[in-house]
Amino acid sequence: MTGQSARRVTVVPNGPVLVEGPVELVTDDGVTHTSDRFVVAVCACRRSKRFPFCDTSHRKRVRDDVPQDGK
């Protein structure tokens, strides 16, 4: 990266993508969303009522394609 420090991005299994903030997100409809928080949870399942930010809506439903023992 030139002129900027790298941002840490952490993909949480069955959860959000955590991005060190502040961030500016542009959704597929062209709308820009900003957050100045030090860590931002970005929704990866599109169930969030606050999309593109995670509101933990993914916790309400158990996914069929993931074994319950976590393996």
PDB file of N, CA and C in Angstrom:
ATOM      1  N   MET A   1       0.853  -1.182   0.000  1.00  0.00           N
ATOM      2  CA  MET A   1       0.000   0.000   0.000  1.00  0.00           C
ATOM      3  C   MET A   1       0.892   1.237   0.000  1.00  0.00           C
ATOM      4  N   THR A   2       0.524   2.182  -0.775  1.00  0.00           N
ATOM      5  CA  THR A   2       1.327   3.391  -0.842  1.00  0.00           C
ATOM      6  C   THR A   2       0.637   4.519  -0.089  1.00  0.00           C
ATOM      7  N   GLY A   3       1.327   5.072   0.903  1.00  0.00           N
ATOM      8  CA  GLY A   3       0.800   6.221   1.625  1.00  0.00           C
ATOM      9  C   GLY A   3      -0.241   5.908   2.689  1.00  0.00           C
ATOM     10  N   GLN A   4      -0.630   4.665   2.824  1.00  0.00           N
ATOM     11  CA  GLN A   4      -1.631   4.287   3.815  1.00  0.00           C
ATOM     12  C   GLN A   4      -1.159   3.044   4.545  1.00  0.00           C
ATOM     13  N   SER A   5      -1.548   2.949   5.823  1.00  0.00           N
ATOM     14  CA  SER A   5      -1.233   1.718   6.541  1.00  0.00           C
ATOM     15  C   SER A   5      -2.307   0.689   6.226  1.00  0.00           C
ATOM     16  N   ALA A   6      -1.938  -0.564   6.300  1.00  0.00           N
ATOM     17  CA  ALA A   6      -2.868  -1.646   5.984  1.00  0.00           C
ATOM     18  C   ALA A   6      -3.939  -1.753   7.058  1.00  0.00           C
ATOM     19  N   ARG A   7      -5.144  -2.100   6.681  1.00  0.00           N
ATOM     20  CA  ARG A   7      -6.254  -2.340   7.602  1.00  0.00           C
ATOM     21  C   ARG A   7      -6.340  -3.833   7.849  1.00  0.00           C
ATOM     22  N   ARG A   8      -6.631  -4.195   9.090  1.00  0.00           N
ATOM     23  CA  ARG A   8      -6.815  -5.610   9.415  1.00  0.00           C
ATOM     24  C   ARG A   8      -8.273  -5.973   9.170  1.00  0.00           C
ATOM     25  N   VAL A   9      -8.488  -7.074   8.439  1.00  0.00           N
ATOM     26  CA  VAL A   9      -9.819  -7.594   8.154  1.00  0.00           C
ATOM     27  C   VAL A   9      -9.851  -9.027   8.670  1.00  0.00           C
ATOM     28  N   THR A  10     -10.854  -9.323   9.516  1.00  0.00           N
ATOM     29  CA  THR A  10     -10.980 -10.653  10.095  1.00  0.00           C
ATOM     30  C   THR A  10     -12.318 -11.249   9.682  1.00  0.00           C
ATOM     31  N   VAL A  11     -12.282 -12.406   9.028  1.00  0.00           N
ATOM     32  CA  VAL A  11     -13.502 -13.092   8.628  1.00  0.00           C
ATOM     33  C   VAL A  11     -13.883 -14.035   9.764  1.00  0.00           C
ATOM     34  N   VAL A  12     -15.058 -13.811  10.357  1.00  0.00           N
ATOM     35  CA  VAL A  12     -15.543 -14.631  11.457  1.00  0.00           C
ATOM     36  C   VAL A  12     -16.403 -15.752  10.875  1.00  0.00           C
ATOM     37  N   PRO A  13     -16.051 -17.016  11.121  1.00  0.00           N
ATOM     38  CA  PRO A  13     -16.860 -18.115  10.591  1.00  0.00           C
ATOM     39  C   PRO A  13     -18.322 -17.995  11.046  1.00  0.00           C
ATOM     40  N   ASN A  14     -19.243 -18.082  10.106  1.00  0.00           N
ATOM     41  CA  ASN A  14     -20.683 -17.962  10.374  1.00  0.00           C
ATOM     42  C   ASN A  14     -21.048 -16.636  11.025  1.00  0.00           C
ATOM     43  N   GLY A  15     -20.259 -15.625  10.789  1.00  0.00           N
ATOM     44  CA  GLY A  15     -20.513 -14.319  11.395  1.00  0.00           C
ATOM     45  C   GLY A  15     -20.131 -13.199  10.456  1.00  0.00           C
ATOM     46  N   PRO A  16     -19.889 -12.024  11.010  1.00  0.00           N
ATOM     47  CA  PRO A  16     -19.570 -10.865  10.179  1.00  0.00           C
ATOM     48  C   PRO A  16     -18.102 -10.835   9.767  1.00  0.00           C
ATOM     49  N   VAL A  17     -17.781  -9.864   8.944  1.00  0.00           N
ATOM     50  CA  VAL A  17     -16.400  -9.554   8.601  1.00  0.00           C
ATOM     51  C   VAL A  17     -16.033  -8.346   9.455  1.00  0.00           C
ATOM     52  N   LEU A  18     -14.989  -8.462  10.267  1.00  0.00           N
ATOM     53  CA  LEU A  18     -14.569  -7.374  11.141  1.00  0.00           C
ATOM     54  C   LEU A  18     -13.464  -6.586  10.450  1.00  0.00           C
ATOM     55  N   VAL A  19     -13.656  -5.264  10.350  1.00  0.00           N
ATOM     56  CA  VAL A  19     -12.705  -4.394   9.678  1.00  0.00           C
ATOM     57  C   VAL A  19     -12.273  -3.314  10.655  1.00  0.00           C
ATOM     58  N   GLU A  20     -10.956  -3.126  10.796  1.00  0.00           N
ATOM     59  CA  GLU A  20     -10.468  -2.036  11.632  1.00  0.00           C
ATOM     60  C   GLU A  20     -10.883  -0.727  10.986  1.00  0.00           C
ATOM     61  N   GLY A  21     -11.509   0.133  11.765  1.00  0.00           N
ATOM     62  CA  GLY A  21     -12.049   1.388  11.254  1.00  0.00           C
ATOM     63  C   GLY A  21     -11.072   2.526  11.403  1.00  0.00           C
ATOM     64  N   PRO A  22     -11.489   3.701  11.006  1.00  0.00           N
ATOM     65  CA  PRO A  22     -12.779   3.998  10.390  1.00  0.00           C
ATOM     66  C   PRO A  22     -12.863   3.440   8.973  1.00  0.00           C
ATOM     67  N   VAL A  23     -14.099   3.251   8.504  1.00  0.00           N
ATOM     68  CA  VAL A  23     -14.298   2.678   7.174  1.00  0.00           C
ATOM     69  C   VAL A  23     -15.326   3.469   6.376  1.00  0.00           C
ATOM     70  N   GLU A  24     -15.233   3.310   5.089  1.00  0.00           N
ATOM     71  CA  GLU A  24     -16.227   3.823   4.144  1.00  0.00           C
ATOM     72  C   GLU A  24     -16.587   2.636   3.259  1.00  0.00           C
ATOM     73  N   LEU A  25     -17.866   2.248   3.273  1.00  0.00           N
ATOM     74  CA  LEU A  25     -18.339   1.108   2.489  1.00  0.00           C
ATOM     75  C   LEU A  25     -19.255   1.608   1.386  1.00  0.00           C
ATOM     76  N   VAL A  26     -19.081   1.084   0.193  1.00  0.00           N
ATOM     77  CA  VAL A  26     -19.958   1.415  -0.929  1.00  0.00           C
ATOM     78  C   VAL A  26     -20.701   0.141  -1.300  1.00  0.00           C
ATOM     79  N   THR A  27     -22.033   0.165  -1.193  1.00  0.00           N
ATOM     80  CA  THR A  27     -22.845  -1.001  -1.513  1.00  0.00           C
ATOM     81  C   THR A  27     -23.100  -1.074  -3.015  1.00  0.00           C
ATOM     82  N   ASP A  28     -23.651  -2.206  -3.451  1.00  0.00           N
ATOM     83  CA  ASP A  28     -23.849  -2.430  -4.889  1.00  0.00           C
ATOM     84  C   ASP A  28     -24.811  -1.440  -5.526  1.00  0.00           C
ATOM     85  N   ASP A  29     -25.617  -0.742  -4.713  1.00  0.00           N
ATOM     86  CA  ASP A  29     -26.513   0.275  -5.270  1.00  0.00           C
ATOM     87  C   ASP A  29     -25.865   1.659  -5.316  1.00  0.00           C
ATOM     88  N   GLY A  30     -24.570   1.730  -4.967  1.00  0.00           N
ATOM     89  CA  GLY A  30     -23.824   2.976  -5.064  1.00  0.00           C
ATOM     90  C   GLY A  30     -23.894   3.867  -3.834  1.00  0.00           C
ATOM     91  N   VAL A  31     -24.604   3.447  -2.793  1.00  0.00           N
ATOM     92  CA  VAL A  31     -24.730   4.242  -1.573  1.00  0.00           C
ATOM     93  C   VAL A  31     -23.466   4.057  -0.733  1.00  0.00           C
ATOM     94  N   THR A  32     -22.930   5.167  -0.219  1.00  0.00           N
ATOM     95  CA  THR A  32     -21.743   5.135   0.633  1.00  0.00           C
ATOM     96  C   THR A  32     -22.162   5.187   2.094  1.00  0.00           C
ATOM     97  N   HIS A  33     -21.640   4.261   2.899  1.00  0.00           N
ATOM     98  CA  HIS A  33     -21.913   4.190   4.332  1.00  0.00           C
ATOM     99  C   HIS A  33     -20.580   4.385   5.045  1.00  0.00           C
ATOM    100  N   THR A  34     -20.550   5.215   6.087  1.00  0.00           N
ATOM    101  CA  THR A  34     -19.310   5.451   6.815  1.00  0.00           C
ATOM    102  C   THR A  34     -19.480   5.098   8.289  1.00  0.00           C
ATOM    103  N   SER A  35     -18.379   4.737   8.920  1.00  0.00           N
ATOM    104  CA  SER A  35     -18.356   4.484  10.353  1.00  0.00           C
ATOM    105  C   SER A  35     -16.986   4.887  10.872  1.00  0.00           C
ATOM    106  N   ASP A  36     -16.966   5.583  11.999  1.00  0.00           N
ATOM    107  CA  ASP A  36     -15.697   5.992  12.588  1.00  0.00           C
ATOM    108  C   ASP A  36     -15.325   5.128  13.793  1.00  0.00           C
ATOM    109  N   ARG A  37     -16.022   4.011  13.967  1.00  0.00           N
ATOM    110  CA  ARG A  37     -15.711   3.096  15.065  1.00  0.00           C
ATOM    111  C   ARG A  37     -14.350   2.453  14.834  1.00  0.00           C
ATOM    112  N   PHE A  38     -13.701   1.990  15.918  1.00  0.00           N
ATOM    113  CA  PHE A  38     -12.367   1.403  15.776  1.00  0.00           C
ATOM    114  C   PHE A  38     -12.414   0.006  15.167  1.00  0.00           C
ATOM    115  N   VAL A  39     -13.539  -0.710  15.306  1.00  0.00           N
ATOM    116  CA  VAL A  39     -13.759  -1.978  14.604  1.00  0.00           C
ATOM    117  C   VAL A  39     -15.197  -1.969  14.111  1.00  0.00           C
ATOM    118  N   VAL A  40     -15.379  -2.311  12.854  1.00  0.00           N
ATOM    119  CA  VAL A  40     -16.700  -2.305  12.237  1.00  0.00           C
ATOM    120  C   VAL A  40     -17.049  -3.728  11.821  1.00  0.00           C
ATOM    121  N   ALA A  41     -18.253  -4.182  12.187  1.00  0.00           N
ATOM    122  CA  ALA A  41     -18.738  -5.501  11.789  1.00  0.00           C
ATOM    123  C   ALA A  41     -19.562  -5.342  10.516  1.00  0.00           C
ATOM    124  N   VAL A  42     -19.065  -5.913   9.434  1.00  0.00           N
ATOM    125  CA  VAL A  42     -19.742  -5.835   8.139  1.00  0.00           C
ATOM    126  C   VAL A  42     -20.524  -7.125   7.940  1.00  0.00           C
ATOM    127  N   CYS A  43     -21.805  -7.009   7.618  1.00  0.00           N
ATOM    128  CA  CYS A  43     -22.679  -8.161   7.445  1.00  0.00           C
ATOM    129  C   CYS A  43     -22.251  -8.980   6.231  1.00  0.00           C
ATOM    130  N   ALA A  44     -22.128 -10.293   6.441  1.00  0.00           N
ATOM    131  CA  ALA A  44     -21.760 -11.192   5.348  1.00  0.00           C
ATOM    132  C   ALA A  44     -22.940 -12.052   4.899  1.00  0.00           C
ATOM    133  N   CYS A  45     -24.050 -12.035   5.665  1.00  0.00           N
ATOM    134  CA  CYS A  45     -25.178 -12.915   5.345  1.00  0.00           C
ATOM    135  C   CYS A  45     -26.368 -12.154   4.746  1.00  0.00           C
ATOM    136  N   ARG A  46     -26.341 -10.839   4.763  1.00  0.00           N
ATOM    137  CA  ARG A  46     -27.382  -9.947   4.232  1.00  0.00           C
ATOM    138  C   ARG A  46     -28.696 -10.044   4.997  1.00  0.00           C
ATOM    139  N   ARG A  47     -28.695 -10.592   6.223  1.00  0.00           N
ATOM    140  CA  ARG A  47     -29.912 -10.638   7.029  1.00  0.00           C
ATOM    141  C   ARG A  47     -30.057  -9.427   7.938  1.00  0.00           C
ATOM    142  N   SER A  48     -29.037  -8.606   8.025  1.00  0.00           N
ATOM    143  CA  SER A  48     -29.032  -7.472   8.934  1.00  0.00           C
ATOM    144  C   SER A  48     -30.041  -6.411   8.515  1.00  0.00           C
ATOM    145  N   LYS A  49     -30.761  -5.884   9.490  1.00  0.00           N
ATOM    146  CA  LYS A  49     -31.656  -4.758   9.228  1.00  0.00           C
ATOM    147  C   LYS A  49     -30.858  -3.468   9.071  1.00  0.00           C
ATOM    148  N   ARG A  50     -29.576  -3.506   9.431  1.00  0.00           N
ATOM    149  CA  ARG A  50     -28.685  -2.347   9.316  1.00  0.00           C
ATOM    150  C   ARG A  50     -27.651  -2.545   8.208  1.00  0.00           C
ATOM    151  N   PHE A  51     -27.918  -3.455   7.265  1.00  0.00           N
ATOM    152  CA  PHE A  51     -26.967  -3.771   6.201  1.00  0.00           C
ATOM    153  C   PHE A  51     -26.443  -2.487   5.571  1.00  0.00           C
ATOM    154  N   PRO A  52     -25.147  -2.331   5.347  1.00  0.00           N
ATOM    155  CA  PRO A  52     -24.111  -3.345   5.309  1.00  0.00           C
ATOM    156  C   PRO A  52     -23.462  -3.645   6.668  1.00  0.00           C
ATOM    157  N   PHE A  53     -23.947  -3.023   7.731  1.00  0.00           N
ATOM    158  CA  PHE A  53     -23.389  -3.288   9.054  1.00  0.00           C
ATOM    159  C   PHE A  53     -24.130  -4.443   9.711  1.00  0.00           C
ATOM    160  N   CYS A  54     -23.426  -5.250  10.483  1.00  0.00           N
ATOM    161  CA  CYS A  54     -23.999  -6.415  11.143  1.00  0.00           C
ATOM    162  C   CYS A  54     -24.791  -5.983  12.377  1.00  0.00           C
ATOM    163  N   ASP A  55     -25.974  -6.577  12.549  1.00  0.00           N
ATOM    164  CA  ASP A  55     -26.762  -6.371  13.771  1.00  0.00           C
ATOM    165  C   ASP A  55     -27.006  -7.699  14.490  1.00  0.00           C
ATOM    166  N   THR A  56     -26.224  -8.710  14.188  1.00  0.00           N
ATOM    167  CA  THR A  56     -26.273 -10.077  14.732  1.00  0.00           C
ATOM    168  C   THR A  56     -27.533 -10.833  14.330  1.00  0.00           C
ATOM    169  N   SER A  57     -28.221 -10.435  13.285  1.00  0.00           N
ATOM    170  CA  SER A  57     -29.401 -11.159  12.804  1.00  0.00           C
ATOM    171  C   SER A  57     -29.055 -12.581  12.379  1.00  0.00           C
ATOM    172  N   HIS A  58     -27.807 -12.820  12.000  1.00  0.00           N
ATOM    173  CA  HIS A  58     -27.391 -14.167  11.575  1.00  0.00           C
ATOM    174  C   HIS A  58     -27.532 -15.183  12.707  1.00  0.00           C
ATOM    175  N   ARG A  59     -27.587 -14.736  13.945  1.00  0.00           N
ATOM    176  CA  ARG A  59     -27.701 -15.643  15.088  1.00  0.00           C
ATOM    177  C   ARG A  59     -29.101 -16.218  15.255  1.00  0.00           C
ATOM    178  N   LYS A  60     -30.096 -15.609  14.632  1.00  0.00           N
ATOM    179  CA  LYS A  60     -31.487 -16.027  14.820  1.00  0.00           C
ATOM    180  C   LYS A  60     -31.823 -17.337  14.128  1.00  0.00           C
ATOM    181  N   ARG A  61     -31.058 -17.722  13.117  1.00  0.00           N
ATOM    182  CA  ARG A  61     -31.357 -18.908  12.342  1.00  0.00           C
ATOM    183  C   ARG A  61     -30.156 -19.829  12.325  1.00  0.00           C
ATOM    184  N   VAL A  62     -30.372 -21.111  12.506  1.00  0.00           N
ATOM    185  CA  VAL A  62     -29.302 -22.092  12.439  1.00  0.00           C
ATOM    186  C   VAL A  62     -29.134 -22.496  10.987  1.00  0.00           C
ATOM    187  N   ARG A  63     -27.905 -22.421  10.508  1.00  0.00           N
ATOM    188  CA  ARG A  63     -27.638 -22.785   9.117  1.00  0.00           C
ATOM    189  C   ARG A  63     -27.626 -24.294   8.968  1.00  0.00           C
ATOM    190  N   ASP A  64     -28.232 -24.786   7.880  1.00  0.00           N
ATOM    191  CA  ASP A  64     -28.294 -26.209   7.606  1.00  0.00           C
ATOM    192  C   ASP A  64     -26.974 -26.780   7.104  1.00  0.00           C
ATOM    193  N   ASP A  65     -26.156 -25.940   6.459  1.00  0.00           N
ATOM    194  CA  ASP A  65     -24.941 -26.424   5.822  1.00  0.00           C
ATOM    195  C   ASP A  65     -23.738 -26.452   6.750  1.00  0.00           C
ATOM    196  N   VAL A  66     -23.906 -26.083   8.031  1.00  0.00           N
ATOM    197  CA  VAL A  66     -22.805 -26.076   8.979  1.00  0.00           C
ATOM    198  C   VAL A  66     -23.086 -27.095  10.089  1.00  0.00           C
ATOM    199  N   PRO A  67     -22.183 -28.051  10.311  1.00  0.00           N
ATOM    200  CA  PRO A  67     -22.404 -29.032  11.379  1.00  0.00           C
ATOM    201  C   PRO A  67     -22.512 -28.344  12.735  1.00  0.00           C
ATOM    202  N   GLN A  68     -23.385 -28.837  13.592  1.00  0.00           N
ATOM    203  CA  GLN A  68     -23.608 -28.233  14.899  1.00  0.00           C
ATOM    204  C   GLN A  68     -22.427 -28.354  15.844  1.00  0.00           C
ATOM    205  N   ASP A  69     -21.538 -29.346  15.612  1.00  0.00           N
ATOM    206  CA  ASP A  69     -20.374 -29.496  16.491  1.00  0.00           C
ATOM    207  C   ASP A  69     -19.239 -28.561  16.102  1.00  0.00           C
ATOM    208  N   GLY A  70     -19.436 -27.709  15.063  1.00  0.00           N
ATOM    209  CA  GLY A  70     -18.463 -26.718  14.662  1.00  0.00           C
ATOM    210  C   GLY A  70     -17.329 -27.241  13.799  1.00  0.00           C
ATOM    211  N   LYS A  71     -17.390 -28.494  13.393  1.00  0.00           N
ATOM    212  CA  LYS A  71     -16.315 -29.083  12.569  1.00  0.00           C
ATOM    213  C   LYS A  71     -16.713 -29.178  11.139  1.00  0.00           C
TER     214      LYS A  71
END
